[in-house]
Amino acid sequence: MTTWLRENRAFLVFLLCFGFFRTAVADWNPVPTGSMRPTIVEGDVVLVNRLAYDLKLPLTDRALARLGEPRRGDIVTFSSPANGTRLIKRVVALPGDVVEMRDEVLFVNHQPARYAGFQQHSEPLAPAVHVPATRAREQLDGHEHTVQFLPSVGARRSFAPVTVPADHVFVLGDNRDNSEDSRYIGTVPRHLLIGRAHHVLVSADITGSWLPRLGRTLSVLQ
């Protein structure tokens, strides 16, 4: 064993450094669901900056230093406060904000988001199952991105005003009627934030042909 360790020490050091890099600095996450469509689609592998908000002890949620603050519009990965599952959603409200939804319209601090550029699409829900979808550009607090609504799907389209607690964020999926987000799991404690997703690294059509989507490679997430 001693001989094997000596002969392979360079490789072992590399593995340790690689593990530290993935658990403390940067990571890549495959996305298996459509809760962030059309911004992120099934089969995207997103790059995540783990130093966007905190420097954490590797393999734990313990923060060693506070490096930045979440902003409205950030796409974040986090451990679900409900069951620990790793999720990816968009931050729509920050500590102290009052957030609510009325018939799909998002309100933050009593100001409604603005919606423009409505387009009709056919959205795949399962193999050979498509439903009508409406996409629009949502504008909130200077940030603009595309969201999607599925009128024929049962979802929580309205909720009463909620004040986001200190060191928490309120997150929603861009695919508003097909997303397990803060409407169902509650606000997300800051210490459960893993990092901010900023690019698609690679992508493959996992719901169909499994061919690579070259047009999505290294695309910027907005």
C-alpha atoms as a PDB file:
ATOM      1  CA  MET A   1       0.000   0.000   0.000  1.00  0.00           C
ATOM      2  CA  THR A   2       2.817   2.401   0.870  1.00  0.00           C
ATOM      3  CA  THR A   3       4.423   1.795  -2.524  1.00  0.00           C
ATOM      4  CA  TRP A   4       1.099   2.320  -4.311  1.00  0.00           C
ATOM      5  CA  LEU A   5       0.501   5.607  -2.474  1.00  0.00           C
ATOM      6  CA  ARG A   6       3.989   6.834  -3.314  1.00  0.00           C
ATOM      7  CA  GLU A   7       3.621   5.933  -7.001  1.00  0.00           C
ATOM      8  CA  ASN A   8       0.205   7.549  -7.304  1.00  0.00           C
ATOM      9  CA  ARG A   9       0.564  10.543  -4.997  1.00  0.00           C
ATOM     10  CA  ALA A  10       0.423  13.057  -7.865  1.00  0.00           C
ATOM     11  CA  PHE A  11      -2.877  11.590  -9.050  1.00  0.00           C
ATOM     12  CA  LEU A  12      -4.278  11.555  -5.515  1.00  0.00           C
ATOM     13  CA  VAL A  13      -3.319  15.196  -5.011  1.00  0.00           C
ATOM     14  CA  PHE A  14      -5.058  16.011  -8.291  1.00  0.00           C
ATOM     15  CA  LEU A  15      -8.228  14.240  -7.127  1.00  0.00           C
ATOM     16  CA  LEU A  16      -8.185  16.132  -3.832  1.00  0.00           C
ATOM     17  CA  CYS A  17      -7.716  19.457  -5.608  1.00  0.00           C
ATOM     18  CA  PHE A  18     -10.416  18.609  -8.127  1.00  0.00           C
ATOM     19  CA  GLY A  19     -12.825  17.631  -5.349  1.00  0.00           C
ATOM     20  CA  PHE A  20     -12.123  20.860  -3.472  1.00  0.00           C
ATOM     21  CA  PHE A  21     -12.660  22.882  -6.664  1.00  0.00           C
ATOM     22  CA  ARG A  22     -16.042  21.267  -7.343  1.00  0.00           C
ATOM     23  CA  THR A  23     -17.305  21.508  -3.778  1.00  0.00           C
ATOM     24  CA  ALA A  24     -16.019  24.990  -2.911  1.00  0.00           C
ATOM     25  CA  VAL A  25     -15.285  27.014  -6.069  1.00  0.00           C
ATOM     26  CA  ALA A  26     -17.212  25.976  -9.180  1.00  0.00           C
ATOM     27  CA  ASP A  27     -19.464  23.137 -10.202  1.00  0.00           C
ATOM     28  CA  TRP A  28     -21.566  21.915 -13.100  1.00  0.00           C
ATOM     29  CA  ASN A  29     -25.115  20.686 -12.680  1.00  0.00           C
ATOM     30  CA  PRO A  30     -27.147  18.561 -15.120  1.00  0.00           C
ATOM     31  CA  VAL A  31     -30.759  19.747 -15.268  1.00  0.00           C
ATOM     32  CA  PRO A  32     -33.246  16.861 -15.641  1.00  0.00           C
ATOM     33  CA  THR A  33     -36.550  18.756 -15.466  1.00  0.00           C
ATOM     34  CA  GLY A  34     -38.327  21.571 -17.285  1.00  0.00           C
ATOM     35  CA  SER A  35     -39.115  23.834 -14.321  1.00  0.00           C
ATOM     36  CA  MET A  36     -36.928  26.629 -15.746  1.00  0.00           C
ATOM     37  CA  ARG A  37     -38.086  26.386 -19.359  1.00  0.00           C
ATOM     38  CA  PRO A  38     -37.511  28.151 -21.666  1.00  0.00           C
ATOM     39  CA  THR A  39     -34.399  29.649 -20.001  1.00  0.00           C
ATOM     40  CA  ILE A  40     -32.998  26.224 -19.088  1.00  0.00           C
ATOM     41  CA  VAL A  41     -34.212  23.038 -20.742  1.00  0.00           C
ATOM     42  CA  GLU A  42     -33.938  19.372 -19.835  1.00  0.00           C
ATOM     43  CA  GLY A  43     -30.461  18.125 -20.714  1.00  0.00           C
ATOM     44  CA  ASP A  44     -28.627  21.400 -20.099  1.00  0.00           C
ATOM     45  CA  VAL A  45     -25.532  21.188 -17.927  1.00  0.00           C
ATOM     46  CA  VAL A  46     -25.113  24.548 -16.200  1.00  0.00           C
ATOM     47  CA  LEU A  47     -21.983  26.105 -14.742  1.00  0.00           C
ATOM     48  CA  VAL A  48     -22.380  27.205 -11.124  1.00  0.00           C
ATOM     49  CA  ASN A  49     -20.226  29.761  -9.320  1.00  0.00           C
ATOM     50  CA  ARG A  50     -20.036  28.456  -5.737  1.00  0.00           C
ATOM     51  CA  LEU A  51     -18.221  31.607  -4.607  1.00  0.00           C
ATOM     52  CA  ALA A  52     -21.002  33.960  -5.702  1.00  0.00           C
ATOM     53  CA  TYR A  53     -22.399  34.302  -2.180  1.00  0.00           C
ATOM     54  CA  ASP A  54     -20.318  32.426   0.399  1.00  0.00           C
ATOM     55  CA  LEU A  55     -17.073  30.594   0.884  1.00  0.00           C
ATOM     56  CA  LYS A  56     -18.171  27.299   2.404  1.00  0.00           C
ATOM     57  CA  LEU A  57     -16.408  24.439   4.069  1.00  0.00           C
ATOM     58  CA  PRO A  58     -16.305  21.754   1.339  1.00  0.00           C
ATOM     59  CA  LEU A  59     -19.091  19.155   1.495  1.00  0.00           C
ATOM     60  CA  THR A  60     -21.042  21.200   4.064  1.00  0.00           C
ATOM     61  CA  ASP A  61     -23.461  24.140   4.281  1.00  0.00           C
ATOM     62  CA  ARG A  62     -21.186  25.920   6.773  1.00  0.00           C
ATOM     63  CA  ALA A  63     -20.162  29.374   5.510  1.00  0.00           C
ATOM     64  CA  LEU A  64     -16.629  30.517   6.308  1.00  0.00           C
ATOM     65  CA  ALA A  65     -16.970  33.970   4.729  1.00  0.00           C
ATOM     66  CA  ARG A  66     -19.724  36.060   3.157  1.00  0.00           C
ATOM     67  CA  LEU A  67     -18.629  37.029  -0.366  1.00  0.00           C
ATOM     68  CA  GLY A  68     -21.703  38.523  -2.027  1.00  0.00           C
ATOM     69  CA  GLU A  69     -25.460  38.949  -1.857  1.00  0.00           C
ATOM     70  CA  PRO A  70     -28.176  37.337  -3.987  1.00  0.00           C
ATOM     71  CA  ARG A  71     -29.925  39.702  -6.369  1.00  0.00           C
ATOM     72  CA  ARG A  72     -33.355  39.629  -7.939  1.00  0.00           C
ATOM     73  CA  GLY A  73     -33.057  37.784 -11.216  1.00  0.00           C
ATOM     74  CA  ASP A  74     -30.166  35.523 -10.137  1.00  0.00           C
ATOM     75  CA  ILE A  75     -30.524  31.884 -11.158  1.00  0.00           C
ATOM     76  CA  VAL A  76     -29.431  29.847  -8.147  1.00  0.00           C
ATOM     77  CA  THR A  77     -28.878  26.222  -7.229  1.00  0.00           C
ATOM     78  CA  PHE A  78     -29.787  25.237  -3.681  1.00  0.00           C
ATOM     79  CA  SER A  79     -30.786  22.369  -1.427  1.00  0.00           C
ATOM     80  CA  SER A  80     -34.563  22.280  -1.004  1.00  0.00           C
ATOM     81  CA  PRO A  81     -35.607  23.204   2.560  1.00  0.00           C
ATOM     82  CA  ALA A  82     -38.368  20.616   2.176  1.00  0.00           C
ATOM     83  CA  ASN A  83     -36.362  17.476   1.401  1.00  0.00           C
ATOM     84  CA  GLY A  84     -32.760  18.401   0.548  1.00  0.00           C
ATOM     85  CA  THR A  85     -33.132  17.820  -3.203  1.00  0.00           C
ATOM     86  CA  ARG A  86     -30.867  20.030  -5.304  1.00  0.00           C
ATOM     87  CA  LEU A  87     -33.002  22.502  -7.272  1.00  0.00           C
ATOM     88  CA  ILE A  88     -32.403  25.377  -9.665  1.00  0.00           C
ATOM     89  CA  LYS A  89     -34.720  28.417  -9.674  1.00  0.00           C
ATOM     90  CA  ARG A  90     -34.714  32.197 -10.071  1.00  0.00           C
ATOM     91  CA  VAL A  91     -34.545  34.625  -7.144  1.00  0.00           C
ATOM     92  CA  VAL A  92     -37.508  37.015  -7.342  1.00  0.00           C
ATOM     93  CA  ALA A  93     -37.541  38.496  -3.827  1.00  0.00           C
ATOM     94  CA  LEU A  94     -34.921  39.300  -1.185  1.00  0.00           C
ATOM     95  CA  PRO A  95     -34.919  39.634   2.619  1.00  0.00           C
ATOM     96  CA  GLY A  96     -37.533  42.162   3.719  1.00  0.00           C
ATOM     97  CA  ASP A  97     -39.381  42.128   0.373  1.00  0.00           C
ATOM     98  CA  VAL A  98     -43.129  41.578   0.268  1.00  0.00           C
ATOM     99  CA  VAL A  99     -43.953  39.160  -2.550  1.00  0.00           C
ATOM    100  CA  GLU A 100     -47.300  37.950  -3.850  1.00  0.00           C
ATOM    101  CA  MET A 101     -48.915  36.623  -7.012  1.00  0.00           C
ATOM    102  CA  ARG A 102     -52.303  37.473  -8.481  1.00  0.00           C
ATOM    103  CA  ASP A 103     -53.504  35.348 -11.412  1.00  0.00           C
ATOM    104  CA  GLU A 104     -49.903  34.710 -12.562  1.00  0.00           C
ATOM    105  CA  VAL A 105     -48.824  38.357 -12.168  1.00  0.00           C
ATOM    106  CA  LEU A 106     -45.876  38.688  -9.790  1.00  0.00           C
ATOM    107  CA  PHE A 107     -45.835  41.577  -7.301  1.00  0.00           C
ATOM    108  CA  VAL A 108     -42.756  42.594  -5.296  1.00  0.00           C
ATOM    109  CA  ASN A 109     -43.163  45.348  -2.705  1.00  0.00           C
ATOM    110  CA  HIS A 110     -46.652  45.971  -4.114  1.00  0.00           C
ATOM    111  CA  GLN A 111     -45.256  46.730  -7.586  1.00  0.00           C
ATOM    112  CA  PRO A 112     -46.437  44.435 -10.396  1.00  0.00           C
ATOM    113  CA  ALA A 113     -44.008  42.960 -12.876  1.00  0.00           C
ATOM    114  CA  ARG A 114     -44.547  44.028 -16.461  1.00  0.00           C
ATOM    115  CA  TYR A 115     -45.138  41.489 -19.239  1.00  0.00           C
ATOM    116  CA  ALA A 116     -44.590  41.969 -22.969  1.00  0.00           C
ATOM    117  CA  GLY A 117     -43.908  40.043 -26.163  1.00  0.00           C
ATOM    118  CA  PHE A 118     -46.500  37.316 -25.647  1.00  0.00           C
ATOM    119  CA  GLN A 119     -46.031  34.255 -27.861  1.00  0.00           C
ATOM    120  CA  GLN A 120     -47.893  30.953 -28.141  1.00  0.00           C
ATOM    121  CA  HIS A 121     -46.031  27.644 -28.037  1.00  0.00           C
ATOM    122  CA  SER A 122     -46.623  23.920 -27.705  1.00  0.00           C
ATOM    123  CA  GLU A 123     -44.976  22.619 -24.532  1.00  0.00           C
ATOM    124  CA  PRO A 124     -43.947  18.950 -24.048  1.00  0.00           C
ATOM    125  CA  LEU A 125     -45.057  17.589 -20.669  1.00  0.00           C
ATOM    126  CA  ALA A 126     -44.329  13.916 -21.343  1.00  0.00           C
ATOM    127  CA  PRO A 127     -43.513  11.713 -24.354  1.00  0.00           C
ATOM    128  CA  ALA A 128     -46.165  12.394 -27.001  1.00  0.00           C
ATOM    129  CA  VAL A 129     -47.978  14.799 -24.621  1.00  0.00           C
ATOM    130  CA  HIS A 130     -48.020  18.507 -25.504  1.00  0.00           C
ATOM    131  CA  VAL A 131     -50.049  21.344 -24.007  1.00  0.00           C
ATOM    132  CA  PRO A 132     -50.545  24.970 -25.075  1.00  0.00           C
ATOM    133  CA  ALA A 133     -48.050  27.400 -23.538  1.00  0.00           C
ATOM    134  CA  THR A 134     -47.736  31.167 -23.430  1.00  0.00           C
ATOM    135  CA  ARG A 135     -44.343  32.835 -23.146  1.00  0.00           C
ATOM    136  CA  ALA A 136     -43.664  36.455 -22.267  1.00  0.00           C
ATOM    137  CA  ARG A 137     -40.849  38.743 -21.197  1.00  0.00           C
ATOM    138  CA  GLU A 138     -41.159  39.512 -17.487  1.00  0.00           C
ATOM    139  CA  GLN A 139     -39.644  42.814 -16.329  1.00  0.00           C
ATOM    140  CA  LEU A 140     -39.005  43.328 -12.630  1.00  0.00           C
ATOM    141  CA  ASP A 141     -36.661  45.755 -10.878  1.00  0.00           C
ATOM    142  CA  GLY A 142     -34.594  46.380 -14.007  1.00  0.00           C
ATOM    143  CA  HIS A 143     -34.184  42.689 -14.848  1.00  0.00           C
ATOM    144  CA  GLU A 144     -35.898  41.072 -17.828  1.00  0.00           C
ATOM    145  CA  HIS A 145     -36.224  37.398 -18.691  1.00  0.00           C
ATOM    146  CA  THR A 146     -38.642  35.003 -20.375  1.00  0.00           C
ATOM    147  CA  VAL A 147     -41.282  33.125 -18.387  1.00  0.00           C
ATOM    148  CA  GLN A 148     -43.793  30.524 -19.462  1.00  0.00           C
ATOM    149  CA  PHE A 149     -47.396  29.833 -18.455  1.00  0.00           C
ATOM    150  CA  LEU A 150     -49.381  26.616 -18.987  1.00  0.00           C
ATOM    151  CA  PRO A 151     -53.082  27.562 -18.785  1.00  0.00           C
ATOM    152  CA  SER A 152     -54.322  23.948 -18.941  1.00  0.00           C
ATOM    153  CA  VAL A 153     -52.119  22.720 -16.067  1.00  0.00           C
ATOM    154  CA  GLY A 154     -53.257  22.970 -12.443  1.00  0.00           C
ATOM    155  CA  ALA A 155     -50.913  25.248 -10.487  1.00  0.00           C
ATOM    156  CA  ARG A 156     -50.826  27.810  -7.686  1.00  0.00           C
ATOM    157  CA  ARG A 157     -51.317  30.993  -9.698  1.00  0.00           C
ATOM    158  CA  SER A 158     -52.125  33.282  -6.770  1.00  0.00           C
ATOM    159  CA  PHE A 159     -50.908  33.587  -3.191  1.00  0.00           C
ATOM    160  CA  ALA A 160     -51.277  36.182  -0.451  1.00  0.00           C
ATOM    161  CA  PRO A 161     -48.459  38.624   0.393  1.00  0.00           C
ATOM    162  CA  VAL A 162     -45.431  37.007   2.046  1.00  0.00           C
ATOM    163  CA  THR A 163     -42.610  38.928   3.747  1.00  0.00           C
ATOM    164  CA  VAL A 164     -39.251  37.292   3.034  1.00  0.00           C
ATOM    165  CA  PRO A 165     -37.390  36.677   6.330  1.00  0.00           C
ATOM    166  CA  ALA A 166     -33.835  37.813   7.005  1.00  0.00           C
ATOM    167  CA  ASP A 167     -31.193  35.656   5.289  1.00  0.00           C
ATOM    168  CA  HIS A 168     -33.792  34.015   3.031  1.00  0.00           C
ATOM    169  CA  VAL A 169     -34.792  34.392  -0.620  1.00  0.00           C
ATOM    170  CA  PHE A 170     -38.015  33.684  -2.483  1.00  0.00           C
ATOM    171  CA  VAL A 171     -37.531  31.677  -5.678  1.00  0.00           C
ATOM    172  CA  LEU A 172     -39.739  30.799  -8.642  1.00  0.00           C
ATOM    173  CA  GLY A 173     -39.249  28.656 -11.716  1.00  0.00           C
ATOM    174  CA  ASP A 174     -39.457  30.417 -15.069  1.00  0.00           C
ATOM    175  CA  ASN A 175     -41.891  27.672 -16.120  1.00  0.00           C
ATOM    176  CA  ARG A 176     -44.405  29.085 -13.673  1.00  0.00           C
ATOM    177  CA  ASP A 177     -47.067  26.377 -13.823  1.00  0.00           C
ATOM    178  CA  ASN A 178     -44.656  23.434 -13.677  1.00  0.00           C
ATOM    179  CA  SER A 179     -42.206  24.241 -10.890  1.00  0.00           C
ATOM    180  CA  GLU A 180     -41.681  23.160  -7.280  1.00  0.00           C
ATOM    181  CA  ASP A 181     -40.575  26.512  -5.882  1.00  0.00           C
ATOM    182  CA  SER A 182     -41.171  28.818  -2.907  1.00  0.00           C
ATOM    183  CA  ARG A 183     -44.927  28.619  -3.449  1.00  0.00           C
ATOM    184  CA  TYR A 184     -44.677  25.015  -2.254  1.00  0.00           C
ATOM    185  CA  ILE A 185     -41.403  24.635  -0.312  1.00  0.00           C
ATOM    186  CA  GLY A 186     -41.280  28.073   1.324  1.00  0.00           C
ATOM    187  CA  THR A 187     -38.523  30.660   1.295  1.00  0.00           C
ATOM    188  CA  VAL A 188     -34.964  29.354   0.947  1.00  0.00           C
ATOM    189  CA  PRO A 189     -32.462  30.015   3.773  1.00  0.00           C
ATOM    190  CA  ARG A 190     -29.271  31.627   2.558  1.00  0.00           C
ATOM    191  CA  HIS A 191     -27.097  28.824   3.961  1.00  0.00           C
ATOM    192  CA  LEU A 192     -28.818  26.365   1.591  1.00  0.00           C
ATOM    193  CA  LEU A 193     -27.782  28.362  -1.497  1.00  0.00           C
ATOM    194  CA  ILE A 194     -25.095  26.458  -3.397  1.00  0.00           C
ATOM    195  CA  GLY A 195     -24.206  29.060  -6.006  1.00  0.00           C
ATOM    196  CA  ARG A 196     -25.255  31.144  -8.999  1.00  0.00           C
ATOM    197  CA  ALA A 197     -25.709  29.511 -12.409  1.00  0.00           C
ATOM    198  CA  HIS A 198     -24.381  31.694 -15.205  1.00  0.00           C
ATOM    199  CA  HIS A 199     -23.757  29.630 -18.386  1.00  0.00           C
ATOM    200  CA  VAL A 200     -24.876  26.461 -20.104  1.00  0.00           C
ATOM    201  CA  LEU A 201     -21.754  24.321 -20.440  1.00  0.00           C
ATOM    202  CA  VAL A 202     -23.162  21.675 -22.798  1.00  0.00           C
ATOM    203  CA  SER A 203     -26.630  20.395 -23.678  1.00  0.00           C
ATOM    204  CA  ALA A 204     -28.214  17.246 -25.106  1.00  0.00           C
ATOM    205  CA  ASP A 205     -31.778  16.416 -26.109  1.00  0.00           C
ATOM    206  CA  ILE A 206     -32.450  13.913 -23.290  1.00  0.00           C
ATOM    207  CA  THR A 207     -36.199  13.824 -24.008  1.00  0.00           C
ATOM    208  CA  GLY A 208     -35.738  12.816 -27.628  1.00  0.00           C
ATOM    209  CA  SER A 209     -32.765  11.915 -29.791  1.00  0.00           C
ATOM    210  CA  TRP A 210     -30.005  12.495 -27.186  1.00  0.00           C
ATOM    211  CA  LEU A 211     -28.131  14.493 -29.810  1.00  0.00           C
ATOM    212  CA  PRO A 212     -26.065  17.453 -28.585  1.00  0.00           C
ATOM    213  CA  ARG A 213     -27.611  20.908 -28.830  1.00  0.00           C
ATOM    214  CA  LEU A 214     -24.584  22.780 -30.115  1.00  0.00           C
ATOM    215  CA  GLY A 215     -26.452  26.079 -30.228  1.00  0.00           C
ATOM    216  CA  ARG A 216     -26.807  26.064 -26.428  1.00  0.00           C
ATOM    217  CA  THR A 217     -23.145  25.305 -25.696  1.00  0.00           C
ATOM    218  CA  LEU A 218     -21.595  28.081 -23.536  1.00  0.00           C
ATOM    219  CA  SER A 219     -24.719  30.225 -23.852  1.00  0.00           C
ATOM    220  CA  VAL A 220     -25.236  32.890 -21.173  1.00  0.00           C
ATOM    221  CA  LEU A 221     -28.144  32.464 -18.746  1.00  0.00           C
ATOM    222  CA  GLN A 222     -30.273  35.588 -18.358  1.00  0.00           C
END
